[in-house]
Each structure stands twice: as structure tokens, then as C-alpha cells.
């Protein structure tokens, strides 16, 4: 099957498009908003939608890891000892 017979919503995207979307999603605040739009239906291409969903899962995972590490740090008093060293 050639590229001409593939519906537009299933056309594969190139490596440069993935790179461009990665840069676009990396912009603080605006990139996250665009990521949400693409992940929840803003793109007609299923490949872009799936890429945005995977990036969104990655962001959620990083946020959860950050919260867990912050909670552990606060519970062990590491934050206080760092603050004492700074002053």
C-alpha cells in the first residue's frame, strides 16, 4: 500500500515531525497546553495523538516521582538540614 492510499489520519509522521513535536511540547506552559490539546483529540492524525498521549503519561510519571521524592525528603528532614546549611 503506498502513501497515497493511506487515509490522512493514519499517515505516518517523519522523524523530523517527532522532533518538532518534542520541541513544541517542551515549551513551558504553552507546550503543556498544546500537549493536552493533541492528546485529547486536537489532531486528526492518530500517530500524533498517540505520541502526545505517551508524552503526557511521561509528564505525569515525572510529576508523581517528584512528589514522592519531595514527600520523602520532607519526612526525613532533609529539607530542614539543607536549609540549616544554607543559613
Protein backbone atom coordinates (compact mmCIF):
# COMPACT_ATOMS: atom_id res chain seq x y z
CA UNK A 1 0.00 0.00 0.00
CA UNK A 2 1.51 3.33 -0.99
CA UNK A 3 1.32 6.57 0.98
CA UNK A 4 -1.31 7.87 -1.42
CA UNK A 5 -3.79 5.17 -0.38
CA UNK A 6 -3.41 5.71 3.36
CA UNK A 7 -6.08 7.91 4.95
CA UNK A 8 -4.67 11.14 6.38
CA UNK A 9 -5.50 10.16 9.97
CA UNK A 10 -3.23 7.10 9.64
CA UNK A 11 -0.32 8.60 7.69
CA UNK A 12 2.98 8.03 9.49
CA UNK A 13 4.84 11.11 10.62
CA UNK A 14 8.51 11.58 9.90
CA UNK A 15 11.39 11.67 12.36
CA UNK A 16 11.60 15.45 11.93
CA UNK A 17 7.93 15.81 12.82
CA UNK A 18 8.52 13.81 16.02
CA UNK A 19 11.49 16.06 16.74
CA UNK A 20 9.36 19.16 16.12
CA UNK A 21 6.57 17.93 18.34
CA UNK A 22 9.12 17.13 21.06
CA UNK A 23 10.40 20.72 20.88
CA UNK A 24 6.85 22.09 20.81
CA UNK A 25 5.78 20.07 23.85
CA UNK A 26 8.94 21.14 25.68
CA UNK A 27 7.92 24.81 25.78
CA UNK A 28 6.91 25.64 29.37
CA UNK A 29 3.16 26.12 29.97
CA UNK A 30 2.22 26.65 26.30
CA UNK A 31 3.76 23.32 25.32
CA UNK A 32 1.83 21.54 28.06
CA UNK A 33 -1.43 23.12 26.89
CA UNK A 34 -0.71 22.07 23.30
CA UNK A 35 0.20 18.60 24.58
CA UNK A 36 -3.19 18.32 26.26
CA UNK A 37 -4.99 19.51 23.13
CA UNK A 38 -3.21 16.98 20.92
CA UNK A 39 -3.56 14.15 23.46
CA UNK A 40 -7.29 14.61 23.86
CA UNK A 41 -8.31 14.94 20.24
CA UNK A 42 -6.84 18.11 18.75
CA UNK A 43 -5.00 16.29 15.99
CA UNK A 44 -6.57 14.33 13.16
CA UNK A 45 -3.55 12.07 12.87
CA UNK A 46 -3.64 9.04 15.17
CA UNK A 47 0.17 8.91 15.33
CA UNK A 48 0.41 12.47 16.67
CA UNK A 49 -2.38 11.76 19.14
CA UNK A 50 -0.63 8.63 20.43
CA UNK A 51 2.70 10.44 20.67
CA UNK A 52 1.07 13.24 22.67
CA UNK A 53 -0.60 10.69 24.95
CA UNK A 54 2.70 8.94 25.61
CA UNK A 55 4.39 12.27 26.34
CA UNK A 56 1.51 13.16 28.70
CA UNK A 57 1.99 9.86 30.57
CA UNK A 58 5.70 10.64 30.83
CA UNK A 59 4.96 14.09 32.32
CA UNK A 60 2.50 12.58 34.83
CA UNK A 61 5.07 9.93 35.81
CA UNK A 62 7.76 12.58 36.37
CA UNK A 63 5.34 14.65 38.46
CA UNK A 64 4.46 11.64 40.64
CA UNK A 65 8.14 10.79 41.13
CA UNK A 66 8.85 14.41 42.10
CA UNK A 67 6.00 14.46 44.63
CA UNK A 68 7.11 11.15 46.18
CA UNK A 69 10.73 12.30 46.46
CA UNK A 70 9.64 15.64 47.93
CA UNK A 71 7.46 13.86 50.49
CA UNK A 72 10.31 11.54 51.44
CA UNK A 73 12.66 14.49 51.72
CA UNK A 74 10.29 16.37 53.97
CA UNK A 75 9.58 13.31 56.09
CA UNK A 76 13.26 12.64 56.71
CA UNK A 77 14.05 16.21 57.50
CA UNK A 78 16.41 16.60 54.59
CA UNK A 79 14.80 19.87 53.63
CA UNK A 80 15.43 21.27 57.11
CA UNK A 81 19.05 20.19 57.18
CA UNK A 82 19.64 21.75 53.78
CA UNK A 83 18.02 24.96 54.99
CA UNK A 84 20.25 24.92 58.08
CA UNK A 85 23.35 24.52 55.90
CA UNK A 86 22.30 27.43 53.70
CA UNK A 87 21.91 29.85 56.61
